[in-house]
């Protein structure tokens, strides 16, 4: 399968990230959701701490999968400065 132009420009990486990184993020999001639902249910502290544990597991997965290596730093964009006048500007 051919890579997209942005992926080729960044050495084979794309802004979408790897599936393993998305798995870690999804596990953490699931943990936050469980914890949030638990707080709305009374609160149910047992379920809240299960959600917190799921977030920790997601964090460990993130470290194992090295999700920060997915970060792509684009070159700074240089935008030409255009002259403009504000209606509140004093002349």
PDB file of N, CA and C in Angstrom:
ATOM      1  N   UNK A   1       0.847  -1.187   0.000  1.00  0.00           N
ATOM      2  CA  UNK A   1       0.000   0.000   0.000  1.00  0.00           C
ATOM      3  C   UNK A   1       0.887   1.243   0.000  1.00  0.00           C
ATOM      4  N   UNK A   2       0.602   2.172  -0.856  1.00  0.00           N
ATOM      5  CA  UNK A   2       1.404   3.388  -0.966  1.00  0.00           C
ATOM      6  C   UNK A   2       1.127   4.312   0.210  1.00  0.00           C
ATOM      7  N   UNK A   3       2.186   4.949   0.687  1.00  0.00           N
ATOM      8  CA  UNK A   3       2.032   5.888   1.796  1.00  0.00           C
ATOM      9  C   UNK A   3       1.563   7.238   1.270  1.00  0.00           C
ATOM     10  N   UNK A   4       0.890   7.974   2.125  1.00  0.00           N
ATOM     11  CA  UNK A   4       0.418   9.299   1.728  1.00  0.00           C
ATOM     12  C   UNK A   4       1.593  10.268   1.679  1.00  0.00           C
ATOM     13  N   UNK A   5       1.391  11.388   1.025  1.00  0.00           N
ATOM     14  CA  UNK A   5       2.448  12.396   0.906  1.00  0.00           C
ATOM     15  C   UNK A   5       2.894  12.920   2.267  1.00  0.00           C
ATOM     16  N   UNK A   6       1.972  13.221   3.227  1.00  0.00           N
ATOM     17  CA  UNK A   6       2.440  13.677   4.531  1.00  0.00           C
ATOM     18  C   UNK A   6       3.258  12.616   5.256  1.00  0.00           C
ATOM     19  N   UNK A   7       2.886  11.348   5.100  1.00  0.00           N
ATOM     20  CA  UNK A   7       3.643  10.292   5.763  1.00  0.00           C
ATOM     21  C   UNK A   7       5.044  10.193   5.175  1.00  0.00           C
ATOM     22  N   UNK A   8       5.175  10.375   3.856  1.00  0.00           N
ATOM     23  CA  UNK A   8       6.486  10.327   3.229  1.00  0.00           C
ATOM     24  C   UNK A   8       7.343  11.502   3.674  1.00  0.00           C
ATOM     25  N   UNK A   9       6.737  12.636   3.888  1.00  0.00           N
ATOM     26  CA  UNK A   9       7.485  13.827   4.280  1.00  0.00           C
ATOM     27  C   UNK A   9       8.047  13.707   5.688  1.00  0.00           C
ATOM     28  N   UNK A  10       7.455  12.850   6.514  1.00  0.00           N
ATOM     29  CA  UNK A  10       7.891  12.704   7.901  1.00  0.00           C
ATOM     30  C   UNK A  10       8.542  11.353   8.154  1.00  0.00           C
ATOM     31  N   UNK A  11       9.209  10.809   7.170  1.00  0.00           N
ATOM     32  CA  UNK A  11       9.943   9.576   7.356  1.00  0.00           C
ATOM     33  C   UNK A  11       9.051   8.371   7.623  1.00  0.00           C
ATOM     34  N   UNK A  12       7.907   8.293   6.979  1.00  0.00           N
ATOM     35  CA  UNK A  12       7.034   7.143   7.144  1.00  0.00           C
ATOM     36  C   UNK A  12       6.013   7.290   8.251  1.00  0.00           C
ATOM     37  N   UNK A  13       6.093   8.351   9.042  1.00  0.00           N
ATOM     38  CA  UNK A  13       5.122   8.572  10.106  1.00  0.00           C
ATOM     39  C   UNK A  13       3.969   9.407   9.579  1.00  0.00           C
ATOM     40  N   UNK A  14       2.811   9.228  10.195  1.00  0.00           N
ATOM     41  CA  UNK A  14       1.679  10.078   9.849  1.00  0.00           C
ATOM     42  C   UNK A  14       1.135  10.684  11.132  1.00  0.00           C
ATOM     43  N   UNK A  15       0.271  11.663  10.994  1.00  0.00           N
ATOM     44  CA  UNK A  15      -0.322  12.313  12.159  1.00  0.00           C
ATOM     45  C   UNK A  15      -1.371  11.435  12.831  1.00  0.00           C
ATOM     46  N   UNK A  16      -1.750  10.336  12.204  1.00  0.00           N
ATOM     47  CA  UNK A  16      -2.795   9.476  12.757  1.00  0.00           C
ATOM     48  C   UNK A  16      -2.296   8.639  13.928  1.00  0.00           C
ATOM     49  N   UNK A  17      -1.031   8.362  14.031  1.00  0.00           N
ATOM     50  CA  UNK A  17      -0.503   7.535  15.110  1.00  0.00           C
ATOM     51  C   UNK A  17      -0.629   6.053  14.788  1.00  0.00           C
ATOM     52  N   UNK A  18      -0.011   5.240  15.645  1.00  0.00           N
ATOM     53  CA  UNK A  18      -0.044   3.793  15.453  1.00  0.00           C
ATOM     54  C   UNK A  18      -1.258   3.193  16.153  1.00  0.00           C
ATOM     55  N   UNK A  19      -1.725   2.036  15.705  1.00  0.00           N
ATOM     56  CA  UNK A  19      -2.861   1.383  16.366  1.00  0.00           C
ATOM     57  C   UNK A  19      -2.594   1.064  17.840  1.00  0.00           C
ATOM     58  N   UNK A  20      -1.360   0.709  18.174  1.00  0.00           N
ATOM     59  CA  UNK A  20      -1.057   0.413  19.577  1.00  0.00           C
ATOM     60  C   UNK A  20      -1.184   1.660  20.448  1.00  0.00           C
ATOM     61  N   UNK A  21      -0.825   2.800  19.907  1.00  0.00           N
ATOM     62  CA  UNK A  21      -0.981   4.049  20.657  1.00  0.00           C
ATOM     63  C   UNK A  21      -2.454   4.348  20.886  1.00  0.00           C
ATOM     64  N   UNK A  22      -3.268   4.128  19.864  1.00  0.00           N
ATOM     65  CA  UNK A  22      -4.703   4.360  20.010  1.00  0.00           C
ATOM     66  C   UNK A  22      -5.320   3.377  20.997  1.00  0.00           C
ATOM     67  N   UNK A  23      -4.787   2.162  21.066  1.00  0.00           N
ATOM     68  CA  UNK A  23      -5.279   1.195  22.051  1.00  0.00           C
ATOM     69  C   UNK A  23      -5.037   1.712  23.462  1.00  0.00           C
ATOM     70  N   UNK A  24      -3.839   2.214  23.729  1.00  0.00           N
ATOM     71  CA  UNK A  24      -3.527   2.750  25.056  1.00  0.00           C
ATOM     72  C   UNK A  24      -4.428   3.935  25.394  1.00  0.00           C
ATOM     73  N   UNK A  25      -4.645   4.818  24.443  1.00  0.00           N
ATOM     74  CA  UNK A  25      -5.506   5.984  24.674  1.00  0.00           C
ATOM     75  C   UNK A  25      -6.948   5.546  24.909  1.00  0.00           C
ATOM     76  N   UNK A  26      -7.409   4.550  24.170  1.00  0.00           N
ATOM     77  CA  UNK A  26      -8.775   4.048  24.338  1.00  0.00           C
ATOM     78  C   UNK A  26      -8.962   3.420  25.707  1.00  0.00           C
ATOM     79  N   UNK A  27      -7.964   2.680  26.186  1.00  0.00           N
ATOM     80  CA  UNK A  27      -8.050   2.080  27.523  1.00  0.00           C
ATOM     81  C   UNK A  27      -8.135   3.175  28.583  1.00  0.00           C
ATOM     82  N   UNK A  28      -7.327   4.232  28.448  1.00  0.00           N
ATOM     83  CA  UNK A  28      -7.390   5.332  29.416  1.00  0.00           C
ATOM     84  C   UNK A  28      -8.736   6.046  29.354  1.00  0.00           C
ATOM     85  N   UNK A  29      -9.254   6.267  28.158  1.00  0.00           N
ATOM     86  CA  UNK A  29     -10.564   6.907  28.008  1.00  0.00           C
ATOM     87  C   UNK A  29     -11.667   6.045  28.621  1.00  0.00           C
ATOM     88  N   UNK A  30     -11.573   4.737  28.446  1.00  0.00           N
ATOM     89  CA  UNK A  30     -12.532   3.819  29.055  1.00  0.00           C
ATOM     90  C   UNK A  30     -12.471   3.915  30.578  1.00  0.00           C
ATOM     91  N   UNK A  31     -11.264   4.011  31.131  1.00  0.00           N
ATOM     92  CA  UNK A  31     -11.118   4.164  32.577  1.00  0.00           C
ATOM     93  C   UNK A  31     -11.743   5.448  33.086  1.00  0.00           C
ATOM     94  N   UNK A  32     -11.525   6.559  32.374  1.00  0.00           N
ATOM     95  CA  UNK A  32     -12.143   7.831  32.766  1.00  0.00           C
ATOM     96  C   UNK A  32     -13.667   7.743  32.684  1.00  0.00           C
ATOM     97  N   UNK A  33     -14.162   7.049  31.668  1.00  0.00           N
ATOM     98  CA  UNK A  33     -15.610   6.894  31.518  1.00  0.00           C
ATOM     99  C   UNK A  33     -16.189   6.073  32.662  1.00  0.00           C
ATOM    100  N   UNK A  34     -15.532   4.987  33.008  1.00  0.00           N
ATOM    101  CA  UNK A  34     -15.992   4.163  34.135  1.00  0.00           C
ATOM    102  C   UNK A  34     -15.996   4.983  35.415  1.00  0.00           C
ATOM    103  N   UNK A  35     -14.926   5.728  35.656  1.00  0.00           N
ATOM    104  CA  UNK A  35     -14.855   6.566  36.852  1.00  0.00           C
ATOM    105  C   UNK A  35     -15.915   7.647  36.870  1.00  0.00           C
ATOM    106  N   UNK A  36     -16.171   8.263  35.726  1.00  0.00           N
ATOM    107  CA  UNK A  36     -17.190   9.309  35.651  1.00  0.00           C
ATOM    108  C   UNK A  36     -18.586   8.772  35.887  1.00  0.00           C
ATOM    109  N   UNK A  37     -18.888   7.624  35.301  1.00  0.00           N
ATOM    110  CA  UNK A  37     -20.194   6.999  35.527  1.00  0.00           C
ATOM    111  C   UNK A  37     -20.334   6.607  36.989  1.00  0.00           C
ATOM    112  N   UNK A  38     -19.259   6.106  37.580  1.00  0.00           N
ATOM    113  CA  UNK A  38     -19.297   5.710  38.992  1.00  0.00           C
ATOM    114  C   UNK A  38     -19.591   6.904  39.889  1.00  0.00           C
ATOM    115  N   UNK A  39     -19.037   8.060  39.576  1.00  0.00           N
ATOM    116  CA  UNK A  39     -19.308   9.249  40.387  1.00  0.00           C
ATOM    117  C   UNK A  39     -20.752   9.708  40.238  1.00  0.00           C
ATOM    118  N   UNK A  40     -21.333   9.479  39.070  1.00  0.00           N
ATOM    119  CA  UNK A  40     -22.731   9.870  38.855  1.00  0.00           C
ATOM    120  C   UNK A  40     -23.713   8.881  39.480  1.00  0.00           C
ATOM    121  N   UNK A  41     -23.241   7.704  39.834  1.00  0.00           N
ATOM    122  CA  UNK A  41     -24.116   6.667  40.380  1.00  0.00           C
ATOM    123  C   UNK A  41     -24.145   6.673  41.903  1.00  0.00           C
ATOM    124  N   UNK A  42     -24.004   7.786  42.502  1.00  0.00           N
ATOM    125  CA  UNK A  42     -24.213   7.753  43.943  1.00  0.00           C
ATOM    126  C   UNK A  42     -23.242   8.473  44.818  1.00  0.00           C
ATOM    127  N   UNK A  43     -22.025   8.437  44.815  1.00  0.00           N
ATOM    128  CA  UNK A  43     -21.018   7.780  43.976  1.00  0.00           C
ATOM    129  C   UNK A  43     -20.762   6.334  44.406  1.00  0.00           C
ATOM    130  N   UNK A  44     -20.370   5.540  43.449  1.00  0.00           N
ATOM    131  CA  UNK A  44     -19.974   4.154  43.690  1.00  0.00           C
ATOM    132  C   UNK A  44     -18.444   4.127  43.725  1.00  0.00           C
ATOM    133  N   UNK A  45     -17.900   4.185  44.929  1.00  0.00           N
ATOM    134  CA  UNK A  45     -16.449   4.308  45.075  1.00  0.00           C
ATOM    135  C   UNK A  45     -15.711   3.077  44.575  1.00  0.00           C
ATOM    136  N   UNK A  46     -16.308   1.899  44.748  1.00  0.00           N
ATOM    137  CA  UNK A  46     -15.667   0.680  44.253  1.00  0.00           C
ATOM    138  C   UNK A  46     -15.486   0.763  42.743  1.00  0.00           C
ATOM    139  N   UNK A  47     -16.556   1.137  42.021  1.00  0.00           N
ATOM    140  CA  UNK A  47     -16.483   1.261  40.568  1.00  0.00           C
ATOM    141  C   UNK A  47     -15.551   2.402  40.153  1.00  0.00           C
ATOM    142  N   UNK A  48     -15.527   3.474  40.955  1.00  0.00           N
ATOM    143  CA  UNK A  48     -14.623   4.585  40.674  1.00  0.00           C
ATOM    144  C   UNK A  48     -13.168   4.116  40.697  1.00  0.00           C
ATOM    145  N   UNK A  49     -12.805   3.339  41.719  1.00  0.00           N
ATOM    146  CA  UNK A  49     -11.425   2.880  41.827  1.00  0.00           C
ATOM    147  C   UNK A  49     -11.090   1.844  40.761  1.00  0.00           C
ATOM    148  N   UNK A  50     -12.083   1.091  40.307  1.00  0.00           N
ATOM    149  CA  UNK A  50     -11.848   0.201  39.163  1.00  0.00           C
ATOM    150  C   UNK A  50     -11.502   1.042  37.932  1.00  0.00           C
ATOM    151  N   UNK A  51     -12.250   2.125  37.728  1.00  0.00           N
ATOM    152  CA  UNK A  51     -11.951   3.031  36.612  1.00  0.00           C
ATOM    153  C   UNK A  51     -10.566   3.636  36.732  1.00  0.00           C
ATOM    154  N   UNK A  52     -10.184   4.014  37.959  1.00  0.00           N
ATOM    155  CA  UNK A  52      -8.838   4.562  38.173  1.00  0.00           C
ATOM    156  C   UNK A  52      -7.778   3.515  37.848  1.00  0.00           C
ATOM    157  N   UNK A  53      -8.050   2.267  38.209  1.00  0.00           N
ATOM    158  CA  UNK A  53      -7.115   1.185  37.887  1.00  0.00           C
ATOM    159  C   UNK A  53      -6.982   0.973  36.389  1.00  0.00           C
ATOM    160  N   UNK A  54      -8.096   1.098  35.672  1.00  0.00           N
ATOM    161  CA  UNK A  54      -8.062   0.955  34.213  1.00  0.00           C
ATOM    162  C   UNK A  54      -7.238   2.083  33.594  1.00  0.00           C
ATOM    163  N   UNK A  55      -7.347   3.290  34.148  1.00  0.00           N
ATOM    164  CA  UNK A  55      -6.534   4.413  33.660  1.00  0.00           C
ATOM    165  C   UNK A  55      -5.051   4.121  33.879  1.00  0.00           C
ATOM    166  N   UNK A  56      -4.716   3.568  35.038  1.00  0.00           N
ATOM    167  CA  UNK A  56      -3.314   3.230  35.321  1.00  0.00           C
ATOM    168  C   UNK A  56      -2.819   2.168  34.339  1.00  0.00           C
ATOM    169  N   UNK A  57      -3.646   1.160  34.070  1.00  0.00           N
ATOM    170  CA  UNK A  57      -3.267   0.133  33.092  1.00  0.00           C
ATOM    171  C   UNK A  57      -3.039   0.773  31.722  1.00  0.00           C
ATOM    172  N   UNK A  58      -3.903   1.707  31.332  1.00  0.00           N
ATOM    173  CA  UNK A  58      -3.718   2.414  30.064  1.00  0.00           C
ATOM    174  C   UNK A  58      -2.429   3.217  30.042  1.00  0.00           C
ATOM    175  N   UNK A  59      -2.082   3.827  31.178  1.00  0.00           N
ATOM    176  CA  UNK A  59      -0.823   4.568  31.263  1.00  0.00           C
ATOM    177  C   UNK A  59       0.385   3.662  31.122  1.00  0.00           C
ATOM    178  N   UNK A  60       0.301   2.487  31.734  1.00  0.00           N
ATOM    179  CA  UNK A  60       1.397   1.518  31.602  1.00  0.00           C
ATOM    180  C   UNK A  60       1.515   1.054  30.152  1.00  0.00           C
ATOM    181  N   UNK A  61       0.367   0.801  29.518  1.00  0.00           N
ATOM    182  CA  UNK A  61       0.397   0.438  28.095  1.00  0.00           C
ATOM    183  C   UNK A  61       1.016   1.556  27.257  1.00  0.00           C
ATOM    184  N   UNK A  62       0.690   2.802  27.595  1.00  0.00           N
ATOM    185  CA  UNK A  62       1.249   3.942  26.859  1.00  0.00           C
ATOM    186  C   UNK A  62       2.770   3.977  26.987  1.00  0.00           C
ATOM    187  N   UNK A  63       3.270   3.680  28.177  1.00  0.00           N
ATOM    188  CA  UNK A  63       4.725   3.649  28.361  1.00  0.00           C
ATOM    189  C   UNK A  63       5.354   2.489  27.597  1.00  0.00           C
ATOM    190  N   UNK A  64       4.706   1.325  27.648  1.00  0.00           N
ATOM    191  CA  UNK A  64       5.242   0.157  26.944  1.00  0.00           C
ATOM    192  C   UNK A  64       5.237   0.386  25.433  1.00  0.00           C
ATOM    193  N   UNK A  65       4.141   0.954  24.913  1.00  0.00           N
ATOM    194  CA  UNK A  65       4.018   1.174  23.475  1.00  0.00           C
ATOM    195  C   UNK A  65       4.759   2.418  23.009  1.00  0.00           C
ATOM    196  N   UNK A  66       5.292   3.205  23.937  1.00  0.00           N
ATOM    197  CA  UNK A  66       6.053   4.419  23.625  1.00  0.00           C
ATOM    198  C   UNK A  66       5.256   5.345  22.701  1.00  0.00           C
ATOM    199  N   UNK A  67       4.084   5.785  23.204  1.00  0.00           N
ATOM    200  CA  UNK A  67       3.201   6.578  22.348  1.00  0.00           C
ATOM    201  C   UNK A  67       3.776   7.950  22.017  1.00  0.00           C
ATOM    202  N   UNK A  68       4.726   8.436  22.802  1.00  0.00           N
ATOM    203  CA  UNK A  68       5.286   9.752  22.509  1.00  0.00           C
ATOM    204  C   UNK A  68       6.203   9.730  21.292  1.00  0.00           C
ATOM    205  N   UNK A  69       6.582   8.544  20.827  1.00  0.00           N
ATOM    206  CA  UNK A  69       7.379   8.486  19.596  1.00  0.00           C
ATOM    207  C   UNK A  69       6.509   8.747  18.367  1.00  0.00           C
ATOM    208  N   UNK A  70       5.181   8.795  18.552  1.00  0.00           N
ATOM    209  CA  UNK A  70       4.277   9.113  17.446  1.00  0.00           C
ATOM    210  C   UNK A  70       4.231  10.602  17.145  1.00  0.00           C
ATOM    211  N   UNK A  71       4.801  11.419  18.004  1.00  0.00           N
ATOM    212  CA  UNK A  71       4.711  12.867  17.847  1.00  0.00           C
ATOM    213  C   UNK A  71       5.534  13.300  16.639  1.00  0.00           C
ATOM    214  N   UNK A  72       4.916  14.095  15.793  1.00  0.00           N
ATOM    215  CA  UNK A  72       5.600  14.644  14.621  1.00  0.00           C
ATOM    216  C   UNK A  72       5.659  16.153  14.797  1.00  0.00           C
ATOM    217  N   UNK A  73       6.849  16.678  14.773  1.00  0.00           N
ATOM    218  CA  UNK A  73       7.015  18.122  14.903  1.00  0.00           C
ATOM    219  C   UNK A  73       7.153  18.725  13.514  1.00  0.00           C
ATOM    220  N   UNK A  74       6.171  19.503  13.134  1.00  0.00           N
ATOM    221  CA  UNK A  74       6.218  20.182  11.844  1.00  0.00           C
ATOM    222  C   UNK A  74       7.166  21.373  11.931  1.00  0.00           C
ATOM    223  N   UNK A  75       7.683  21.746  10.794  1.00  0.00           N
ATOM    224  CA  UNK A  75       8.502  22.955  10.740  1.00  0.00           C
ATOM    225  C   UNK A  75       7.610  24.152  11.052  1.00  0.00           C
ATOM    226  N   UNK A  76       8.155  25.161  11.727  1.00  0.00           N
ATOM    227  CA  UNK A  76       7.338  26.343  12.038  1.00  0.00           C
ATOM    228  C   UNK A  76       6.802  26.981  10.761  1.00  0.00           C
ATOM    229  N   UNK A  77       5.559  27.377  10.820  1.00  0.00           N
ATOM    230  CA  UNK A  77       4.940  28.018   9.658  1.00  0.00           C
ATOM    231  C   UNK A  77       5.228  29.507   9.686  1.00  0.00           C
ATOM    232  N   UNK A  78       5.627  30.011   8.554  1.00  0.00           N
ATOM    233  CA  UNK A  78       5.890  31.437   8.446  1.00  0.00           C
ATOM    234  C   UNK A  78       4.798  32.055   7.585  1.00  0.00           C
ATOM    235  N   UNK A  79       3.995  32.880   8.213  1.00  0.00           N
ATOM    236  CA  UNK A  79       2.888  33.531   7.524  1.00  0.00           C
ATOM    237  C   UNK A  79       3.269  34.985   7.291  1.00  0.00           C
ATOM    238  N   UNK A  80       3.075  35.435   6.066  1.00  0.00           N
ATOM    239  CA  UNK A  80       3.405  36.816   5.737  1.00  0.00           C
ATOM    240  C   UNK A  80       2.509  37.760   6.538  1.00  0.00           C
ATOM    241  N   UNK A  81       3.127  38.787   7.088  1.00  0.00           N
ATOM    242  CA  UNK A  81       2.377  39.770   7.860  1.00  0.00           C
ATOM    243  C   UNK A  81       1.667  40.693   6.887  1.00  0.00           C
ATOM    244  N   UNK A  82       0.376  40.849   7.088  1.00  0.00           N
ATOM    245  CA  UNK A  82      -0.403  41.726   6.227  1.00  0.00           C
ATOM    246  C   UNK A  82      -0.788  42.967   7.007  1.00  0.00           C
ATOM    247  N   UNK A  83      -0.745  44.082   6.302  1.00  0.00           N
ATOM    248  CA  UNK A  83      -1.137  45.329   6.950  1.00  0.00           C
ATOM    249  C   UNK A  83      -2.650  45.338   7.119  1.00  0.00           C
ATOM    250  N   UNK A  84      -3.083  45.695   8.300  1.00  0.00           N
ATOM    251  CA  UNK A  84      -4.513  45.784   8.551  1.00  0.00           C
ATOM    252  C   UNK A  84      -4.765  46.941   9.510  1.00  0.00           C
ATOM    253  N   UNK A  85      -5.974  47.428   9.480  1.00  0.00           N
ATOM    254  CA  UNK A  85      -6.344  48.541  10.345  1.00  0.00           C
ATOM    255  C   UNK A  85      -7.589  48.156  11.120  1.00  0.00           C
ATOM    256  N   UNK A  86      -7.512  48.340  12.397  1.00  0.00           N
ATOM    257  CA  UNK A  86      -8.638  48.047  13.269  1.00  0.00           C
ATOM    258  C   UNK A  86      -9.568  49.248  13.310  1.00  0.00           C
ATOM    259  N   UNK A  87     -10.872  49.028  13.420  1.00  0.00           N
ATOM    260  CA  UNK A  87     -11.778  50.176  13.547  1.00  0.00           C
ATOM    261  C   UNK A  87     -11.552  50.931  14.857  1.00  0.00           C
ATOM    262  N   UNK A  88     -10.887  50.304  15.805  1.00  0.00           N
ATOM    263  CA  UNK A  88     -10.631  50.942  17.095  1.00  0.00           C
ATOM    264  C   UNK A  88      -9.267  51.624  17.145  1.00  0.00           C
ATOM    265  N   UNK A  89      -8.537  51.521  16.056  1.00  0.00           N
ATOM    266  CA  UNK A  89      -7.194  52.083  15.995  1.00  0.00           C
ATOM    267  C   UNK A  89      -7.273  53.600  15.844  1.00  0.00           C
ATOM    268  N   UNK A  90      -6.445  54.301  16.605  1.00  0.00           N
ATOM    269  CA  UNK A  90      -6.394  55.765  16.493  1.00  0.00           C
ATOM    270  C   UNK A  90      -5.384  56.129  15.417  1.00  0.00           C
ATOM    271  N   UNK A  91      -5.783  57.023  14.534  1.00  0.00           N
ATOM    272  CA  UNK A  91      -4.875  57.415  13.447  1.00  0.00           C
ATOM    273  C   UNK A  91      -4.257  58.735  13.728  1.00  0.00           C
TER     274      UNK A  91
END
